[in-house]
Amino acid sequence: MKTKGPTFCQRLLSLCMHNISHLLPTITARTLARRFLRPDPRGKHRAAEALASVPAMKRGEVNVDGDRLTTYQWGDPTTEPYVLLSHGWSSYALRFAAWIPRLRALGFAVVTFDQRAHGMSEGRISSLPDFVLTLRAMGRRFGRPSAFIGHSMGASSIVFAEEPSWCPERFVLIAPMFSAEESVRMGFVAMNFSPRVFQPFEDWFHDHTGERFANFHAERRIPHIDRPALVIHDRLDRMTPWEHGRLYACMWPHARMISTEGLGHNRLLDDPSVIDAAMDFVAEAVPA
């Protein structure tokens, strides 16, 4: 079947966006940045709906930089080996609802949480540095996980968040991002923004987070992680290219990769074969 190309109106809009961003890069960057730090509000509505359908759990709170972040717990991580789950951008903790009964059946307690400005947690804005800070807070609160399972930004952030006192025994990384800077630049290309936008965009990000995108490049971290990892990535992922997952698998000393075809970025979490592969891998975890 022949794929339809962009319409005249779409091409015209794309050209206008490129010209405006080229002439007014700073204004364009500020407009993008305000949206960049605000998750899609639909995620909060979906999180509220999911609360009615998940197994009985214990809800709690962890205070991170003045915001109360919601935690969810099945079993007792102080007496049982536990698995820590970490959702992606504009998502929510209970996106992993189908995974929880499987993990419990394997004998693990389960802990997950809503990131700042996501799900049931407080906050208006969030970012990759926030994801890292929150993961550290969870690790310090609940201790060393037997396994960590993360999706998208929730997977990428563990590389920068883990600490010797609570580092996971093994990792399942689903569609992880390899380089924050590359991902942002690719997004600008996809939206046909001028390259001139990137620098004022990063300057705005630095002013609000204290970080540069270059600080979040996985190549600096993953060669030094000596615990097993399973990387799962779809070849047709439009949000985080499959190549990112391949780089994780190549550079991580004890990693293997599973590639899927046609699941994209988000449907990976719902696919039975993906869940089965993750359960087989996690079942090998030595209790922390």
Protein backbone atom coordinates (compact mmCIF):
# COMPACT_ATOMS: atom_id res chain seq x y z
CA MET A 1 0.00 0.00 0.00
CA LYS A 2 1.35 3.39 -0.97
CA THR A 3 1.99 5.68 1.98
CA LYS A 4 0.43 9.12 1.73
CA GLY A 5 2.81 12.03 2.01
CA PRO A 6 2.20 15.24 3.93
CA THR A 7 -0.57 17.48 2.67
CA PHE A 8 0.05 20.97 1.35
CA CYS A 9 -1.17 22.49 4.64
CA GLN A 10 1.16 20.26 6.63
CA ARG A 11 4.12 21.20 4.45
CA LEU A 12 3.24 24.87 4.76
CA LEU A 13 2.96 24.62 8.56
CA SER A 14 6.30 22.81 8.73
CA LEU A 15 7.94 25.53 6.63
CA CYS A 16 6.47 28.25 8.85
CA MET A 17 7.72 26.51 12.00
CA HIS A 18 11.21 26.25 10.55
CA ASN A 19 11.31 29.89 9.50
CA ILE A 20 9.94 31.20 12.79
CA SER A 21 12.33 29.08 14.83
CA HIS A 22 15.24 30.27 12.67
CA LEU A 23 14.32 33.96 13.03
CA LEU A 24 13.26 33.78 16.70
CA PRO A 25 15.24 30.90 18.23
CA THR A 26 15.17 32.18 21.82
CA ILE A 27 11.42 32.78 21.91
CA THR A 28 10.81 29.41 20.24
CA ALA A 29 13.11 27.70 22.75
CA ARG A 30 11.33 29.22 25.75
CA THR A 31 7.93 28.20 24.39
CA LEU A 32 9.13 24.65 23.80
CA ALA A 33 10.87 24.44 27.16
CA ARG A 34 7.72 25.32 29.10
CA ARG A 35 5.95 22.45 27.38
CA PHE A 36 8.99 20.19 27.66
CA LEU A 37 8.82 20.13 31.47
CA ARG A 38 5.06 19.53 31.68
CA PRO A 39 3.88 15.93 31.29
CA ASP A 40 0.77 15.18 29.25
CA PRO A 41 -2.15 15.72 31.69
CA ARG A 42 -3.98 12.72 30.23
CA GLY A 43 -1.57 10.52 32.16
CA LYS A 44 -3.05 11.72 35.45
CA HIS A 45 -6.57 10.84 34.32
CA ARG A 46 -5.46 7.37 33.25
CA ALA A 47 -3.69 6.87 36.56
CA ALA A 48 -6.88 7.71 38.46
CA GLU A 49 -8.86 5.24 36.34
CA ALA A 50 -6.27 2.51 36.87
CA LEU A 51 -6.57 2.72 40.65
CA ALA A 52 -9.94 0.98 40.48
CA SER A 53 -8.62 -2.08 38.66
CA VAL A 54 -5.30 -3.02 40.29
CA PRO A 55 -4.83 -5.66 43.02
CA ALA A 56 -5.03 -4.60 46.67
CA MET A 57 -1.99 -2.55 47.61
CA LYS A 58 -0.50 -0.26 50.21
CA ARG A 59 -0.29 3.39 49.16
CA GLY A 60 2.25 5.68 50.70
CA GLU A 61 4.14 8.92 50.17
CA VAL A 62 7.74 10.00 49.86
CA ASN A 63 8.66 13.67 50.14
CA VAL A 64 11.10 14.77 47.42
CA ASP A 65 12.13 18.44 47.42
CA GLY A 66 8.86 19.52 49.03
CA ASP A 67 6.51 17.51 46.79
CA ARG A 68 4.64 14.48 48.06
CA LEU A 69 5.12 11.62 45.63
CA THR A 70 2.79 8.63 45.71
CA THR A 71 4.17 5.11 46.18
CA TYR A 72 2.45 1.75 45.69
CA GLN A 73 3.49 -1.42 47.44
CA TRP A 74 2.52 -5.08 47.20
CA GLY A 75 4.06 -7.36 49.80
CA ASP A 76 6.75 -6.27 52.24
CA PRO A 77 10.09 -5.19 50.76
CA THR A 78 11.66 -5.29 54.23
CA THR A 79 11.15 -9.07 54.51
CA GLU A 80 10.79 -10.20 50.86
CA PRO A 81 13.03 -9.67 47.85
CA TYR A 82 11.42 -6.90 45.87
CA VAL A 83 11.24 -5.49 42.36
CA LEU A 84 11.26 -1.73 41.74
CA LEU A 85 9.20 -0.51 38.76
CA SER A 86 9.81 2.86 37.08
CA HIS A 87 7.40 4.37 34.52
CA GLY A 88 8.25 6.66 31.60
CA TRP A 89 7.49 10.25 30.65
CA SER A 90 3.79 11.28 30.77
CA SER A 91 2.98 7.82 32.12
CA TYR A 92 2.17 6.54 35.62
CA ALA A 93 3.10 3.78 38.04
CA LEU A 94 0.05 1.60 37.46
CA ARG A 95 0.88 1.34 33.78
CA PHE A 96 2.64 -1.80 35.01
CA ALA A 97 -0.59 -3.25 36.47
CA ALA A 98 -0.43 -6.42 34.35
CA TRP A 99 3.10 -7.11 35.56
CA ILE A 100 2.35 -7.05 39.29
CA PRO A 101 0.48 -10.40 39.69
CA ARG A 102 3.23 -12.12 37.70
CA LEU A 103 5.95 -10.69 39.95
CA ARG A 104 4.00 -11.61 43.08
CA ALA A 105 3.60 -15.17 41.78
CA LEU A 106 7.39 -15.38 41.52
CA GLY A 107 7.65 -14.48 45.21
CA PHE A 108 8.67 -10.85 44.93
CA ALA A 109 7.29 -7.85 46.72
CA VAL A 110 6.68 -4.97 44.30
CA VAL A 111 7.28 -1.23 44.73
CA THR A 112 6.43 1.44 42.21
CA PHE A 113 5.71 5.17 42.29
CA ASP A 114 4.41 8.15 40.36
CA GLN A 115 7.13 10.57 39.35
CA ARG A 116 6.78 14.27 40.17
CA ALA A 117 3.87 15.83 38.23
CA HIS A 118 2.78 12.35 37.11
CA GLY A 119 -0.08 10.15 38.27
CA MET A 120 -1.19 10.87 41.82
CA SER A 121 1.99 12.72 42.79
CA GLU A 122 2.29 16.43 43.43
CA GLY A 123 4.17 18.89 41.26
CA ARG A 124 3.58 20.89 38.08
CA ILE A 125 6.77 20.22 36.16
CA SER A 126 9.22 17.35 35.84
CA SER A 127 12.39 16.45 33.95
CA LEU A 128 15.06 13.77 33.59
CA PRO A 129 17.00 15.20 36.58
CA ASP A 130 13.77 14.89 38.61
CA PHE A 131 13.41 11.26 37.51
CA VAL A 132 16.95 10.58 38.74
CA LEU A 133 16.40 12.37 42.05
CA THR A 134 13.16 10.51 42.70
CA LEU A 135 14.68 7.11 41.92
CA ARG A 136 17.43 7.81 44.44
CA ALA A 137 14.80 8.69 47.04
CA MET A 138 13.00 5.40 46.38
CA GLY A 139 16.18 3.38 46.63
CA ARG A 140 17.11 5.01 49.92
CA ARG A 141 13.60 4.48 51.26
CA PHE A 142 13.05 0.83 50.27
CA GLY A 143 16.59 -0.53 49.99
CA ARG A 144 18.30 -2.74 47.43
CA PRO A 145 15.93 -4.25 44.84
CA SER A 146 16.45 -7.76 43.56
CA ALA A 147 15.50 -6.35 40.17
CA PHE A 148 14.66 -3.06 38.54
CA ILE A 149 12.23 -2.75 35.62
CA GLY A 150 11.95 0.58 33.83
CA HIS A 151 10.38 1.95 30.67
CA SER A 152 11.63 4.79 28.48
CA MET A 153 12.87 7.72 30.62
CA GLY A 154 12.15 5.60 33.69
CA ALA A 155 14.64 3.05 32.35
CA SER A 156 17.28 5.58 31.32
CA SER A 157 17.27 7.36 34.67
CA ILE A 158 18.42 4.31 36.69
CA VAL A 159 21.84 4.52 35.03
CA PHE A 160 22.37 7.94 36.62
CA ALA A 161 20.48 7.28 39.86
CA GLU A 162 21.85 4.05 41.30
CA GLU A 163 24.05 4.25 44.39
CA PRO A 164 26.25 1.57 46.02
CA SER A 165 23.97 1.36 49.07
CA TRP A 166 20.94 0.19 47.09
CA CYS A 167 21.97 -0.65 43.49
CA PRO A 168 19.68 -3.29 41.91
CA GLU A 169 20.88 -6.85 41.38
CA ARG A 170 19.66 -6.90 37.76
CA PHE A 171 17.91 -4.62 35.29
CA VAL A 172 15.17 -4.83 32.69
CA LEU A 173 15.39 -1.75 30.47
CA ILE A 174 12.50 -1.26 28.04
CA ALA A 175 13.08 1.25 25.23
CA PRO A 176 15.79 3.22 27.09
CA MET A 177 17.18 6.52 25.84
CA PHE A 178 20.95 6.53 25.32
CA SER A 179 21.69 10.25 24.94
CA ALA A 180 19.44 13.08 26.11
CA GLU A 181 21.11 15.57 23.79
CA GLU A 182 20.71 13.35 20.75
CA SER A 183 17.07 12.69 21.58
CA VAL A 184 16.30 16.41 21.86
CA ARG A 185 18.10 17.20 18.61
CA MET A 186 16.26 14.38 16.82
CA GLY A 187 12.97 15.72 18.11
CA PHE A 188 13.75 19.17 16.74
CA VAL A 189 14.62 17.69 13.35
CA ALA A 190 11.36 15.71 13.33
CA MET A 191 9.41 18.90 14.04
CA ASN A 192 11.47 20.85 11.47
CA PHE A 193 12.78 23.38 13.96
CA SER A 194 15.94 25.28 13.14
CA PRO A 195 19.19 23.96 14.73
CA ARG A 196 19.54 27.47 16.19
CA VAL A 197 16.87 26.59 18.77
CA PHE A 198 18.92 23.96 20.57
CA GLN A 199 21.37 26.20 22.44
CA PRO A 200 18.81 28.62 23.96
CA PHE A 201 16.64 25.59 24.70
CA GLU A 202 19.45 23.92 26.63
CA ASP A 203 20.31 27.20 28.38
CA TRP A 204 16.72 27.43 29.62
CA PHE A 205 16.89 23.80 30.76
CA HIS A 206 20.14 24.50 32.63
CA ASP A 207 18.68 27.57 34.34
CA HIS A 208 15.75 25.51 35.65
CA THR A 209 17.48 22.21 36.50
CA GLY A 210 21.16 23.04 36.95
CA GLU A 211 22.04 20.32 34.43
CA ARG A 212 23.24 20.10 30.85
CA PHE A 213 21.98 17.47 28.42
CA ALA A 214 25.54 16.21 28.02
CA ASN A 215 25.44 15.11 31.67
CA PHE A 216 22.92 12.43 30.70
CA HIS A 217 24.84 10.32 28.22
CA ALA A 218 24.68 6.64 29.15
CA GLU A 219 28.04 5.84 27.55
CA ARG A 220 29.79 7.29 30.60
CA ARG A 221 28.00 4.98 33.03
CA ILE A 222 26.94 1.65 31.58
CA PRO A 223 30.40 0.14 30.91
CA HIS A 224 30.99 0.22 34.68
CA ILE A 225 27.80 -1.60 35.75
CA ASP A 226 28.71 -5.20 36.55
CA ARG A 227 25.23 -6.66 37.06
CA PRO A 228 23.08 -8.39 34.41
CA ALA A 229 20.66 -6.46 32.22
CA LEU A 230 17.98 -7.34 29.70
CA VAL A 231 17.30 -4.65 27.08
CA ILE A 232 13.99 -4.83 25.18
CA HIS A 233 13.44 -2.47 22.26
CA ASP A 234 11.22 -2.34 19.20
CA ARG A 235 12.80 -1.82 15.79
CA LEU A 236 10.00 0.56 14.79
CA ASP A 237 10.09 2.72 17.92
CA ARG A 238 9.49 6.31 16.77
CA MET A 239 10.11 7.95 20.14
CA THR A 240 13.39 6.29 21.12
CA PRO A 241 15.19 4.65 18.19
CA TRP A 242 16.05 0.96 18.40
CA GLU A 243 19.70 1.94 17.99
CA HIS A 244 19.65 3.38 21.52
CA GLY A 245 18.76 0.00 22.97
CA ARG A 246 21.42 -1.69 20.84
CA LEU A 247 24.06 0.64 22.26
CA TYR A 248 22.99 -0.24 25.80
CA ALA A 249 23.26 -3.95 25.02
CA CYS A 250 26.66 -3.55 23.33
CA MET A 251 28.28 -1.41 26.03
CA TRP A 252 26.74 -3.03 29.13
CA PRO A 253 29.19 -5.77 30.23
CA HIS A 254 26.52 -8.37 31.12
CA ALA A 255 23.57 -7.45 28.94
CA ARG A 256 21.53 -9.17 26.29
CA MET A 257 18.90 -7.72 24.00
CA ILE A 258 15.49 -8.71 22.71
CA SER A 259 14.23 -6.86 19.64
CA THR A 260 10.55 -6.77 18.78
CA GLU A 261 8.88 -5.70 15.54
CA GLY A 262 5.81 -3.48 15.31
CA LEU A 263 5.10 -2.79 18.99
CA GLY A 264 6.44 0.74 18.92
CA HIS A 265 7.36 2.56 22.11
CA ASN A 266 4.42 2.01 24.47
CA ARG A 267 2.76 -1.24 23.43
CA LEU A 268 5.85 -3.09 24.61
CA LEU A 269 4.48 -2.90 28.14
CA ASP A 270 1.31 -4.77 27.17
CA ASP A 271 2.78 -7.51 25.00
CA PRO A 272 2.65 -11.00 26.60
CA SER A 273 5.94 -12.09 25.02
CA VAL A 274 7.72 -9.04 26.47
CA ILE A 275 6.29 -9.69 29.93
CA ASP A 276 7.20 -13.39 29.70
CA ALA A 277 10.79 -12.60 28.74
CA ALA A 278 11.12 -10.09 31.58
CA MET A 279 9.68 -12.58 34.10
CA ASP A 280 12.11 -15.30 33.02
CA PHE A 281 15.00 -12.88 33.46
CA VAL A 282 13.80 -11.51 36.82
CA ALA A 283 13.16 -15.01 38.14
CA GLU A 284 16.91 -15.57 38.07
CA ALA A 285 17.49 -12.70 40.52
CA VAL A 286 19.27 -13.53 43.73
CA PRO A 287 17.24 -12.09 46.67
CA ALA A 288 18.86 -8.90 47.87
